[in-house]
Amino acid sequence: MQTVFFLVLIWIFIYTFGFAVTLWKGKQKLGALAVMGLCFTLLILPLFSNVK
């Protein structure tokens, strides 16, 4: 079950990071940085609460 959880988490990370790249290319650098921060938070926080 944890494998499925991490696969879904990685899929969400990749999708959201792609959106951040799109924002960066569209000259919206502040928004892109905010979304990248959200991406890395999304990736790091579950590791603290789910991994024993």
PDB file of N, CA and C in Angstrom:
ATOM      1  N   MET A   1       0.819  -1.193   0.000  1.00  0.00           N
ATOM      2  CA  MET A   1       0.000   0.000   0.000  1.00  0.00           C
ATOM      3  C   MET A   1       0.867   1.261   0.000  1.00  0.00           C
ATOM      4  N   GLN A   2       2.001   1.178   0.690  1.00  0.00           N
ATOM      5  CA  GLN A   2       2.886   2.332   0.709  1.00  0.00           C
ATOM      6  C   GLN A   2       3.471   2.606  -0.669  1.00  0.00           C
ATOM      7  N   THR A   3       3.672   1.556  -1.444  1.00  0.00           N
ATOM      8  CA  THR A   3       4.204   1.739  -2.793  1.00  0.00           C
ATOM      9  C   THR A   3       3.220   2.529  -3.644  1.00  0.00           C
ATOM     10  N   VAL A   4       1.950   2.194  -3.535  1.00  0.00           N
ATOM     11  CA  VAL A   4       0.919   2.922  -4.283  1.00  0.00           C
ATOM     12  C   VAL A   4       0.878   4.375  -3.816  1.00  0.00           C
ATOM     13  N   PHE A   5       0.979   4.581  -2.519  1.00  0.00           N
ATOM     14  CA  PHE A   5       0.975   5.937  -1.958  1.00  0.00           C
ATOM     15  C   PHE A   5       2.116   6.763  -2.549  1.00  0.00           C
ATOM     16  N   PHE A   6       3.321   6.200  -2.579  1.00  0.00           N
ATOM     17  CA  PHE A   6       4.467   6.940  -3.087  1.00  0.00           C
ATOM     18  C   PHE A   6       4.393   7.143  -4.598  1.00  0.00           C
ATOM     19  N   LEU A   7       3.838   6.182  -5.323  1.00  0.00           N
ATOM     20  CA  LEU A   7       3.678   6.363  -6.770  1.00  0.00           C
ATOM     21  C   LEU A   7       2.696   7.495  -7.074  1.00  0.00           C
ATOM     22  N   VAL A   8       1.610   7.561  -6.334  1.00  0.00           N
ATOM     23  CA  VAL A   8       0.647   8.648  -6.519  1.00  0.00           C
ATOM     24  C   VAL A   8       1.284   9.978  -6.124  1.00  0.00           C
ATOM     25  N   LEU A   9       2.041   9.973  -5.060  1.00  0.00           N
ATOM     26  CA  LEU A   9       2.724  11.188  -4.612  1.00  0.00           C
ATOM     27  C   LEU A   9       3.711  11.686  -5.664  1.00  0.00           C
ATOM     28  N   ILE A  10       4.469  10.798  -6.255  1.00  0.00           N
ATOM     29  CA  ILE A  10       5.433  11.180  -7.288  1.00  0.00           C
ATOM     30  C   ILE A  10       4.712  11.674  -8.533  1.00  0.00           C
ATOM     31  N   TRP A  11       3.584  11.045  -8.885  1.00  0.00           N
ATOM     32  CA  TRP A  11       2.816  11.488 -10.050  1.00  0.00           C
ATOM     33  C   TRP A  11       2.294  12.917  -9.831  1.00  0.00           C
ATOM     34  N   ILE A  12       1.775  13.204  -8.653  1.00  0.00           N
ATOM     35  CA  ILE A  12       1.293  14.554  -8.339  1.00  0.00           C
ATOM     36  C   ILE A  12       2.445  15.551  -8.379  1.00  0.00           C
ATOM     37  N   PHE A  13       3.611  15.146  -7.858  1.00  0.00           N
ATOM     38  CA  PHE A  13       4.788  16.019  -7.881  1.00  0.00           C
ATOM     39  C   PHE A  13       5.186  16.356  -9.315  1.00  0.00           C
ATOM     40  N   ILE A  14       5.251  15.368 -10.176  1.00  0.00           N
ATOM     41  CA  ILE A  14       5.663  15.598 -11.568  1.00  0.00           C
ATOM     42  C   ILE A  14       4.662  16.499 -12.284  1.00  0.00           C
ATOM     43  N   TYR A  15       3.388  16.256 -12.084  1.00  0.00           N
ATOM     44  CA  TYR A  15       2.356  17.064 -12.735  1.00  0.00           C
ATOM     45  C   TYR A  15       2.432  18.525 -12.273  1.00  0.00           C
ATOM     46  N   THR A  16       2.568  18.733 -10.972  1.00  0.00           N
ATOM     47  CA  THR A  16       2.627  20.085 -10.426  1.00  0.00           C
ATOM     48  C   THR A  16       3.920  20.785 -10.815  1.00  0.00           C
ATOM     49  N   PHE A  17       5.022  20.051 -10.848  1.00  0.00           N
ATOM     50  CA  PHE A  17       6.289  20.642 -11.257  1.00  0.00           C
ATOM     51  C   PHE A  17       6.242  21.043 -12.733  1.00  0.00           C
ATOM     52  N   GLY A  18       5.543  20.265 -13.547  1.00  0.00           N
ATOM     53  CA  GLY A  18       5.350  20.640 -14.952  1.00  0.00           C
ATOM     54  C   GLY A  18       4.583  21.947 -15.076  1.00  0.00           C
ATOM     55  N   PHE A  19       3.618  22.139 -14.206  1.00  0.00           N
ATOM     56  CA  PHE A  19       2.890  23.403 -14.202  1.00  0.00           C
ATOM     57  C   PHE A  19       3.810  24.558 -13.813  1.00  0.00           C
ATOM     58  N   ALA A  20       4.706  24.315 -12.861  1.00  0.00           N
ATOM     59  CA  ALA A  20       5.668  25.353 -12.456  1.00  0.00           C
ATOM     60  C   ALA A  20       6.598  25.708 -13.614  1.00  0.00           C
ATOM     61  N   VAL A  21       7.013  24.725 -14.380  1.00  0.00           N
ATOM     62  CA  VAL A  21       7.867  24.984 -15.538  1.00  0.00           C
ATOM     63  C   VAL A  21       7.114  25.808 -16.576  1.00  0.00           C
ATOM     64  N   THR A  22       5.841  25.499 -16.763  1.00  0.00           N
ATOM     65  CA  THR A  22       5.022  26.273 -17.694  1.00  0.00           C
ATOM     66  C   THR A  22       4.906  27.720 -17.240  1.00  0.00           C
ATOM     67  N   LEU A  23       4.719  27.932 -15.945  1.00  0.00           N
ATOM     68  CA  LEU A  23       4.670  29.293 -15.421  1.00  0.00           C
ATOM     69  C   LEU A  23       5.989  30.014 -15.632  1.00  0.00           C
ATOM     70  N   TRP A  24       7.099  29.320 -15.423  1.00  0.00           N
ATOM     71  CA  TRP A  24       8.423  29.918 -15.574  1.00  0.00           C
ATOM     72  C   TRP A  24       8.643  30.358 -17.022  1.00  0.00           C
ATOM     73  N   LYS A  25       8.241  29.516 -17.963  1.00  0.00           N
ATOM     74  CA  LYS A  25       8.394  29.858 -19.379  1.00  0.00           C
ATOM     75  C   LYS A  25       7.477  31.003 -19.777  1.00  0.00           C
ATOM     76  N   GLY A  26       6.379  31.166 -19.054  1.00  0.00           N
ATOM     77  CA  GLY A  26       5.444  32.246 -19.324  1.00  0.00           C
ATOM     78  C   GLY A  26       5.793  33.535 -18.611  1.00  0.00           C
ATOM     79  N   LYS A  27       7.016  33.644 -18.126  1.00  0.00           N
ATOM     80  CA  LYS A  27       7.530  34.855 -17.477  1.00  0.00           C
ATOM     81  C   LYS A  27       6.812  35.183 -16.166  1.00  0.00           C
ATOM     82  N   GLN A  28       6.254  34.176 -15.512  1.00  0.00           N
ATOM     83  CA  GLN A  28       5.616  34.373 -14.212  1.00  0.00           C
ATOM     84  C   GLN A  28       6.482  33.691 -13.148  1.00  0.00           C
ATOM     85  N   LYS A  29       7.642  34.277 -12.929  1.00  0.00           N
ATOM     86  CA  LYS A  29       8.667  33.638 -12.118  1.00  0.00           C
ATOM     87  C   LYS A  29       8.281  33.527 -10.638  1.00  0.00           C
ATOM     88  N   LEU A  30       7.614  34.516 -10.094  1.00  0.00           N
ATOM     89  CA  LEU A  30       7.220  34.453  -8.687  1.00  0.00           C
ATOM     90  C   LEU A  30       6.207  33.325  -8.457  1.00  0.00           C
ATOM     91  N   GLY A  31       5.242  33.213  -9.340  1.00  0.00           N
ATOM     92  CA  GLY A  31       4.271  32.122  -9.243  1.00  0.00           C
ATOM     93  C   GLY A  31       4.922  30.764  -9.412  1.00  0.00           C
ATOM     94  N   ALA A  32       5.882  30.692 -10.325  1.00  0.00           N
ATOM     95  CA  ALA A  32       6.592  29.437 -10.549  1.00  0.00           C
ATOM     96  C   ALA A  32       7.386  29.029  -9.310  1.00  0.00           C
ATOM     97  N   LEU A  33       8.031  29.990  -8.672  1.00  0.00           N
ATOM     98  CA  LEU A  33       8.780  29.680  -7.451  1.00  0.00           C
ATOM     99  C   LEU A  33       7.855  29.220  -6.335  1.00  0.00           C
ATOM    100  N   ALA A  34       6.685  29.830  -6.235  1.00  0.00           N
ATOM    101  CA  ALA A  34       5.716  29.428  -5.213  1.00  0.00           C
ATOM    102  C   ALA A  34       5.226  28.004  -5.462  1.00  0.00           C
ATOM    103  N   VAL A  35       4.949  27.682  -6.710  1.00  0.00           N
ATOM    104  CA  VAL A  35       4.479  26.330  -7.037  1.00  0.00           C
ATOM    105  C   VAL A  35       5.598  25.312  -6.826  1.00  0.00           C
ATOM    106  N   MET A  36       6.843  25.680  -7.137  1.00  0.00           N
ATOM    107  CA  MET A  36       7.968  24.768  -6.886  1.00  0.00           C
ATOM    108  C   MET A  36       8.137  24.522  -5.382  1.00  0.00           C
ATOM    109  N   GLY A  37       7.961  25.568  -4.584  1.00  0.00           N
ATOM    110  CA  GLY A  37       8.006  25.388  -3.132  1.00  0.00           C
ATOM    111  C   GLY A  37       6.913  24.446  -2.659  1.00  0.00           C
ATOM    112  N   LEU A  38       5.732  24.584  -3.228  1.00  0.00           N
ATOM    113  CA  LEU A  38       4.633  23.682  -2.911  1.00  0.00           C
ATOM    114  C   LEU A  38       4.975  22.252  -3.311  1.00  0.00           C
ATOM    115  N   CYS A  39       5.603  22.096  -4.468  1.00  0.00           N
ATOM    116  CA  CYS A  39       5.993  20.757  -4.941  1.00  0.00           C
ATOM    117  C   CYS A  39       6.944  20.081  -3.965  1.00  0.00           C
ATOM    118  N   PHE A  40       7.977  20.811  -3.565  1.00  0.00           N
ATOM    119  CA  PHE A  40       8.955  20.204  -2.674  1.00  0.00           C
ATOM    120  C   PHE A  40       8.378  19.953  -1.288  1.00  0.00           C
ATOM    121  N   THR A  41       7.472  20.798  -0.845  1.00  0.00           N
ATOM    122  CA  THR A  41       6.780  20.560   0.421  1.00  0.00           C
ATOM    123  C   THR A  41       5.912  19.315   0.314  1.00  0.00           C
ATOM    124  N   LEU A  42       5.236  19.171  -0.821  1.00  0.00           N
ATOM    125  CA  LEU A  42       4.392  18.013  -1.072  1.00  0.00           C
ATOM    126  C   LEU A  42       5.217  16.733  -1.067  1.00  0.00           C
ATOM    127  N   LEU A  43       6.452  16.814  -1.514  1.00  0.00           N
ATOM    128  CA  LEU A  43       7.304  15.642  -1.584  1.00  0.00           C
ATOM    129  C   LEU A  43       7.937  15.310  -0.229  1.00  0.00           C
ATOM    130  N   ILE A  44       8.269  16.312   0.563  1.00  0.00           N
ATOM    131  CA  ILE A  44       9.014  16.096   1.806  1.00  0.00           C
ATOM    132  C   ILE A  44       8.112  15.758   3.005  1.00  0.00           C
ATOM    133  N   LEU A  45       7.020  16.485   3.169  1.00  0.00           N
ATOM    134  CA  LEU A  45       6.203  16.302   4.369  1.00  0.00           C
ATOM    135  C   LEU A  45       5.642  14.885   4.562  1.00  0.00           C
ATOM    136  N   PRO A  46       5.129  14.237   3.537  1.00  0.00           N
ATOM    137  CA  PRO A  46       4.636  12.867   3.768  1.00  0.00           C
ATOM    138  C   PRO A  46       5.719  11.891   4.206  1.00  0.00           C
ATOM    139  N   LEU A  47       6.955  12.170   3.847  1.00  0.00           N
ATOM    140  CA  LEU A  47       8.032  11.278   4.284  1.00  0.00           C
ATOM    141  C   LEU A  47       8.194  11.302   5.799  1.00  0.00           C
ATOM    142  N   PHE A  48       7.969  12.468   6.408  1.00  0.00           N
ATOM    143  CA  PHE A  48       8.078  12.562   7.859  1.00  0.00           C
ATOM    144  C   PHE A  48       6.914  11.868   8.572  1.00  0.00           C
ATOM    145  N   SER A  49       5.741  11.893   7.983  1.00  0.00           N
ATOM    146  CA  SER A  49       4.582  11.339   8.663  1.00  0.00           C
ATOM    147  C   SER A  49       4.297   9.887   8.293  1.00  0.00           C
ATOM    148  N   ASN A  50       4.837   9.388   7.178  1.00  0.00           N
ATOM    149  CA  ASN A  50       4.477   8.063   6.720  1.00  0.00           C
ATOM    150  C   ASN A  50       5.588   7.025   6.906  1.00  0.00           C
ATOM    151  N   VAL A  51       6.818   7.435   6.826  1.00  0.00           N
ATOM    152  CA  VAL A  51       7.926   6.484   6.952  1.00  0.00           C
ATOM    153  C   VAL A  51       8.271   6.306   8.414  1.00  0.00           C
ATOM    154  N   LYS A  52       8.388   5.054   8.819  1.00  0.00           N
ATOM    155  CA  LYS A  52       8.669   4.757  10.231  1.00  0.00           C
ATOM    156  C   LYS A  52      10.133   4.415  10.419  1.00  0.00           C
TER     157      LYS A  52
END
